[in-house]
């Protein structure tokens, strides 16, 4: 297999994962710093996380934007990796390393602060946040 074939395979894998994420997701669980369901300004009741292309947006039911930005993914890593780059809020412009998993209509990620090592497990310790979602079907 040549370099071009390998690159096309990776590009296809990335495009497929991005396609799976498209649409609206409702957060169903939050864990941060080892604490289950701590207070959080990004997960108000009824808020949805929307993916469109390589952008994301979390909005309240009335359309208020809580957070938005871009993401990069590496589905060939084990576990799969996603990097969040917020365009608003306290983490604007930072590259937040995270791992993720998608199984059917379930999506979960664990994110670290910028400059921290990639998470390796789907649990939290100080400095890590885990969010779990289900696909929203209106």
C-alpha atoms as a PDB file:
ATOM      1  CA  UNK A   1       0.000   0.000   0.000  1.00  0.00           C
ATOM      2  CA  UNK A   2       1.437   3.373  -0.987  1.00  0.00           C
ATOM      3  CA  UNK A   3       1.458   6.618   0.971  1.00  0.00           C
ATOM      4  CA  UNK A   4      -1.505   7.970  -1.002  1.00  0.00           C
ATOM      5  CA  UNK A   5      -3.618   4.904  -0.167  1.00  0.00           C
ATOM      6  CA  UNK A   6      -2.799   5.202   3.544  1.00  0.00           C
ATOM      7  CA  UNK A   7      -3.634   8.901   3.566  1.00  0.00           C
ATOM      8  CA  UNK A   8      -6.929   8.263   1.805  1.00  0.00           C
ATOM      9  CA  UNK A   9      -7.811   5.552   4.323  1.00  0.00           C
ATOM     10  CA  UNK A  10      -7.133   7.904   7.258  1.00  0.00           C
ATOM     11  CA  UNK A  11      -9.024  10.767   5.607  1.00  0.00           C
ATOM     12  CA  UNK A  12     -11.975   8.407   5.032  1.00  0.00           C
ATOM     13  CA  UNK A  13     -11.894   7.278   8.675  1.00  0.00           C
ATOM     14  CA  UNK A  14     -11.912  10.913   9.879  1.00  0.00           C
ATOM     15  CA  UNK A  15     -14.718  11.903   7.489  1.00  0.00           C
ATOM     16  CA  UNK A  16     -16.792   8.925   8.652  1.00  0.00           C
ATOM     17  CA  UNK A  17     -16.391   9.830  12.349  1.00  0.00           C
ATOM     18  CA  UNK A  18     -17.282  13.476  11.644  1.00  0.00           C
ATOM     19  CA  UNK A  19     -20.401  12.314   9.780  1.00  0.00           C
ATOM     20  CA  UNK A  20     -21.468  10.131  12.724  1.00  0.00           C
ATOM     21  CA  UNK A  21     -21.210  13.120  15.095  1.00  0.00           C
ATOM     22  CA  UNK A  22     -23.396  15.421  12.977  1.00  0.00           C
ATOM     23  CA  UNK A  23     -26.648  16.617  14.520  1.00  0.00           C
ATOM     24  CA  UNK A  24     -27.870  17.300  18.031  1.00  0.00           C
ATOM     25  CA  UNK A  25     -26.810  15.535  21.237  1.00  0.00           C
ATOM     26  CA  UNK A  26     -28.273  15.878  24.728  1.00  0.00           C
ATOM     27  CA  UNK A  27     -25.954  15.619  27.715  1.00  0.00           C
ATOM     28  CA  UNK A  28     -27.082  12.902  30.123  1.00  0.00           C
ATOM     29  CA  UNK A  29     -24.151  12.763  32.540  1.00  0.00           C
ATOM     30  CA  UNK A  30     -21.296  14.943  33.763  1.00  0.00           C
ATOM     31  CA  UNK A  31     -18.296  14.103  35.904  1.00  0.00           C
ATOM     32  CA  UNK A  32     -15.501  16.566  36.663  1.00  0.00           C
ATOM     33  CA  UNK A  33     -12.444  16.188  38.876  1.00  0.00           C
ATOM     34  CA  UNK A  34     -13.862  12.874  40.149  1.00  0.00           C
ATOM     35  CA  UNK A  35     -17.196  14.475  41.197  1.00  0.00           C
ATOM     36  CA  UNK A  36     -20.484  13.316  39.621  1.00  0.00           C
ATOM     37  CA  UNK A  37     -22.820  16.080  38.392  1.00  0.00           C
ATOM     38  CA  UNK A  38     -20.985  19.141  39.743  1.00  0.00           C
ATOM     39  CA  UNK A  39     -22.403  22.631  39.035  1.00  0.00           C
ATOM     40  CA  UNK A  40     -21.714  23.502  35.383  1.00  0.00           C
ATOM     41  CA  UNK A  41     -22.559  26.540  33.260  1.00  0.00           C
ATOM     42  CA  UNK A  42     -22.350  24.508  30.016  1.00  0.00           C
ATOM     43  CA  UNK A  43     -25.058  21.958  30.802  1.00  0.00           C
ATOM     44  CA  UNK A  44     -28.248  23.785  31.700  1.00  0.00           C
ATOM     45  CA  UNK A  45     -31.487  21.761  31.518  1.00  0.00           C
ATOM     46  CA  UNK A  46     -32.581  21.187  27.932  1.00  0.00           C
ATOM     47  CA  UNK A  47     -29.337  22.411  26.355  1.00  0.00           C
ATOM     48  CA  UNK A  48     -28.192  20.566  23.246  1.00  0.00           C
ATOM     49  CA  UNK A  49     -24.759  20.144  21.692  1.00  0.00           C
ATOM     50  CA  UNK A  50     -24.847  20.526  17.913  1.00  0.00           C
ATOM     51  CA  UNK A  51     -22.173  19.289  15.518  1.00  0.00           C
ATOM     52  CA  UNK A  52     -21.972  20.702  12.001  1.00  0.00           C
ATOM     53  CA  UNK A  53     -18.882  19.871  10.008  1.00  0.00           C
ATOM     54  CA  UNK A  54     -15.928  20.287  12.379  1.00  0.00           C
ATOM     55  CA  UNK A  55     -17.706  22.873  14.512  1.00  0.00           C
ATOM     56  CA  UNK A  56     -19.743  22.453  17.676  1.00  0.00           C
ATOM     57  CA  UNK A  57     -22.175  24.639  19.563  1.00  0.00           C
ATOM     58  CA  UNK A  58     -23.961  24.132  22.898  1.00  0.00           C
ATOM     59  CA  UNK A  59     -27.251  26.042  23.032  1.00  0.00           C
ATOM     60  CA  UNK A  60     -30.072  26.441  25.527  1.00  0.00           C
ATOM     61  CA  UNK A  61     -33.654  25.711  24.398  1.00  0.00           C
ATOM     62  CA  UNK A  62     -34.134  29.441  23.677  1.00  0.00           C
ATOM     63  CA  UNK A  63     -31.034  29.465  21.418  1.00  0.00           C
ATOM     64  CA  UNK A  64     -28.563  31.121  23.800  1.00  0.00           C
ATOM     65  CA  UNK A  65     -25.032  29.970  22.963  1.00  0.00           C
ATOM     66  CA  UNK A  66     -23.239  28.562  26.014  1.00  0.00           C
ATOM     67  CA  UNK A  67     -20.082  27.481  24.209  1.00  0.00           C
ATOM     68  CA  UNK A  68     -18.942  26.890  20.653  1.00  0.00           C
ATOM     69  CA  UNK A  69     -15.837  26.241  18.646  1.00  0.00           C
ATOM     70  CA  UNK A  70     -14.078  23.735  16.422  1.00  0.00           C
ATOM     71  CA  UNK A  71     -12.710  20.248  16.875  1.00  0.00           C
ATOM     72  CA  UNK A  72     -10.125  17.952  15.327  1.00  0.00           C
ATOM     73  CA  UNK A  73     -10.338  14.184  15.661  1.00  0.00           C
ATOM     74  CA  UNK A  74      -7.983  11.246  15.410  1.00  0.00           C
ATOM     75  CA  UNK A  75     -10.109   8.092  15.277  1.00  0.00           C
ATOM     76  CA  UNK A  76      -7.033   5.940  14.632  1.00  0.00           C
ATOM     77  CA  UNK A  77      -5.671   6.571  18.154  1.00  0.00           C
ATOM     78  CA  UNK A  78      -6.501   4.152  20.985  1.00  0.00           C
ATOM     79  CA  UNK A  79      -8.578   5.437  22.636  1.00  0.00           C
ATOM     80  CA  UNK A  80      -9.859   7.763  19.913  1.00  0.00           C
ATOM     81  CA  UNK A  81      -8.785  11.405  20.337  1.00  0.00           C
ATOM     82  CA  UNK A  82     -10.619  14.688  19.890  1.00  0.00           C
ATOM     83  CA  UNK A  83      -9.217  18.178  20.409  1.00  0.00           C
ATOM     84  CA  UNK A  84     -11.662  20.923  21.385  1.00  0.00           C
ATOM     85  CA  UNK A  85     -10.824  24.521  20.405  1.00  0.00           C
ATOM     86  CA  UNK A  86     -13.362  26.903  21.980  1.00  0.00           C
ATOM     87  CA  UNK A  87     -14.124  30.173  20.195  1.00  0.00           C
ATOM     88  CA  UNK A  88     -15.876  31.790  23.190  1.00  0.00           C
ATOM     89  CA  UNK A  89     -15.501  31.612  26.959  1.00  0.00           C
ATOM     90  CA  UNK A  90     -12.549  31.209  29.302  1.00  0.00           C
ATOM     91  CA  UNK A  91     -10.841  28.568  27.126  1.00  0.00           C
ATOM     92  CA  UNK A  92     -11.009  30.549  23.859  1.00  0.00           C
ATOM     93  CA  UNK A  93      -8.241  29.476  21.501  1.00  0.00           C
ATOM     94  CA  UNK A  94      -6.924  26.755  23.798  1.00  0.00           C
ATOM     95  CA  UNK A  95      -6.468  23.242  22.443  1.00  0.00           C
ATOM     96  CA  UNK A  96      -8.099  20.890  24.968  1.00  0.00           C
ATOM     97  CA  UNK A  97      -6.979  17.258  24.512  1.00  0.00           C
ATOM     98  CA  UNK A  98      -9.688  14.647  24.958  1.00  0.00           C
ATOM     99  CA  UNK A  99     -10.551  11.039  24.246  1.00  0.00           C
ATOM    100  CA  UNK A 100     -13.939   9.942  22.945  1.00  0.00           C
ATOM    101  CA  UNK A 101     -16.121   6.972  22.100  1.00  0.00           C
ATOM    102  CA  UNK A 102     -19.236   6.692  19.956  1.00  0.00           C
ATOM    103  CA  UNK A 103     -21.477   3.644  20.188  1.00  0.00           C
ATOM    104  CA  UNK A 104     -24.767   3.932  18.322  1.00  0.00           C
ATOM    105  CA  UNK A 105     -26.628   6.914  19.763  1.00  0.00           C
ATOM    106  CA  UNK A 106     -24.196   7.320  22.695  1.00  0.00           C
ATOM    107  CA  UNK A 107     -21.210   9.684  22.714  1.00  0.00           C
ATOM    108  CA  UNK A 108     -18.789  10.276  25.589  1.00  0.00           C
ATOM    109  CA  UNK A 109     -15.600  12.267  25.949  1.00  0.00           C
ATOM    110  CA  UNK A 110     -13.032  12.988  28.657  1.00  0.00           C
ATOM    111  CA  UNK A 111     -11.181  16.301  28.299  1.00  0.00           C
ATOM    112  CA  UNK A 112      -8.082  17.682  29.970  1.00  0.00           C
ATOM    113  CA  UNK A 113      -6.815  21.240  30.280  1.00  0.00           C
ATOM    114  CA  UNK A 114      -4.525  22.625  27.591  1.00  0.00           C
ATOM    115  CA  UNK A 115      -0.953  21.442  28.012  1.00  0.00           C
ATOM    116  CA  UNK A 116      -1.989  18.372  30.030  1.00  0.00           C
ATOM    117  CA  UNK A 117      -1.394  14.827  28.766  1.00  0.00           C
ATOM    118  CA  UNK A 118      -4.113  13.045  26.806  1.00  0.00           C
ATOM    119  CA  UNK A 119      -6.593  11.240  29.066  1.00  0.00           C
ATOM    120  CA  UNK A 120      -6.254   7.460  28.837  1.00  0.00           C
ATOM    121  CA  UNK A 121      -9.420   6.203  30.582  1.00  0.00           C
ATOM    122  CA  UNK A 122     -13.104   7.060  30.661  1.00  0.00           C
ATOM    123  CA  UNK A 123     -13.091   8.304  34.245  1.00  0.00           C
ATOM    124  CA  UNK A 124     -12.029  11.547  35.890  1.00  0.00           C
ATOM    125  CA  UNK A 125      -9.441  12.682  38.376  1.00  0.00           C
ATOM    126  CA  UNK A 126      -8.580  16.298  39.212  1.00  0.00           C
ATOM    127  CA  UNK A 127      -8.148  18.221  35.949  1.00  0.00           C
ATOM    128  CA  UNK A 128     -10.406  15.987  33.805  1.00  0.00           C
ATOM    129  CA  UNK A 129     -14.037  16.408  32.711  1.00  0.00           C
ATOM    130  CA  UNK A 130     -16.223  13.637  31.279  1.00  0.00           C
ATOM    131  CA  UNK A 131     -19.472  14.381  29.446  1.00  0.00           C
ATOM    132  CA  UNK A 132     -21.879  11.705  28.185  1.00  0.00           C
ATOM    133  CA  UNK A 133     -24.541  12.327  25.537  1.00  0.00           C
ATOM    134  CA  UNK A 134     -27.352  10.603  23.694  1.00  0.00           C
ATOM    135  CA  UNK A 135     -28.388  11.550  20.167  1.00  0.00           C
ATOM    136  CA  UNK A 136     -31.340  13.928  20.245  1.00  0.00           C
ATOM    137  CA  UNK A 137     -34.269  12.836  18.072  1.00  0.00           C
ATOM    138  CA  UNK A 138     -36.798  15.689  17.929  1.00  0.00           C
END
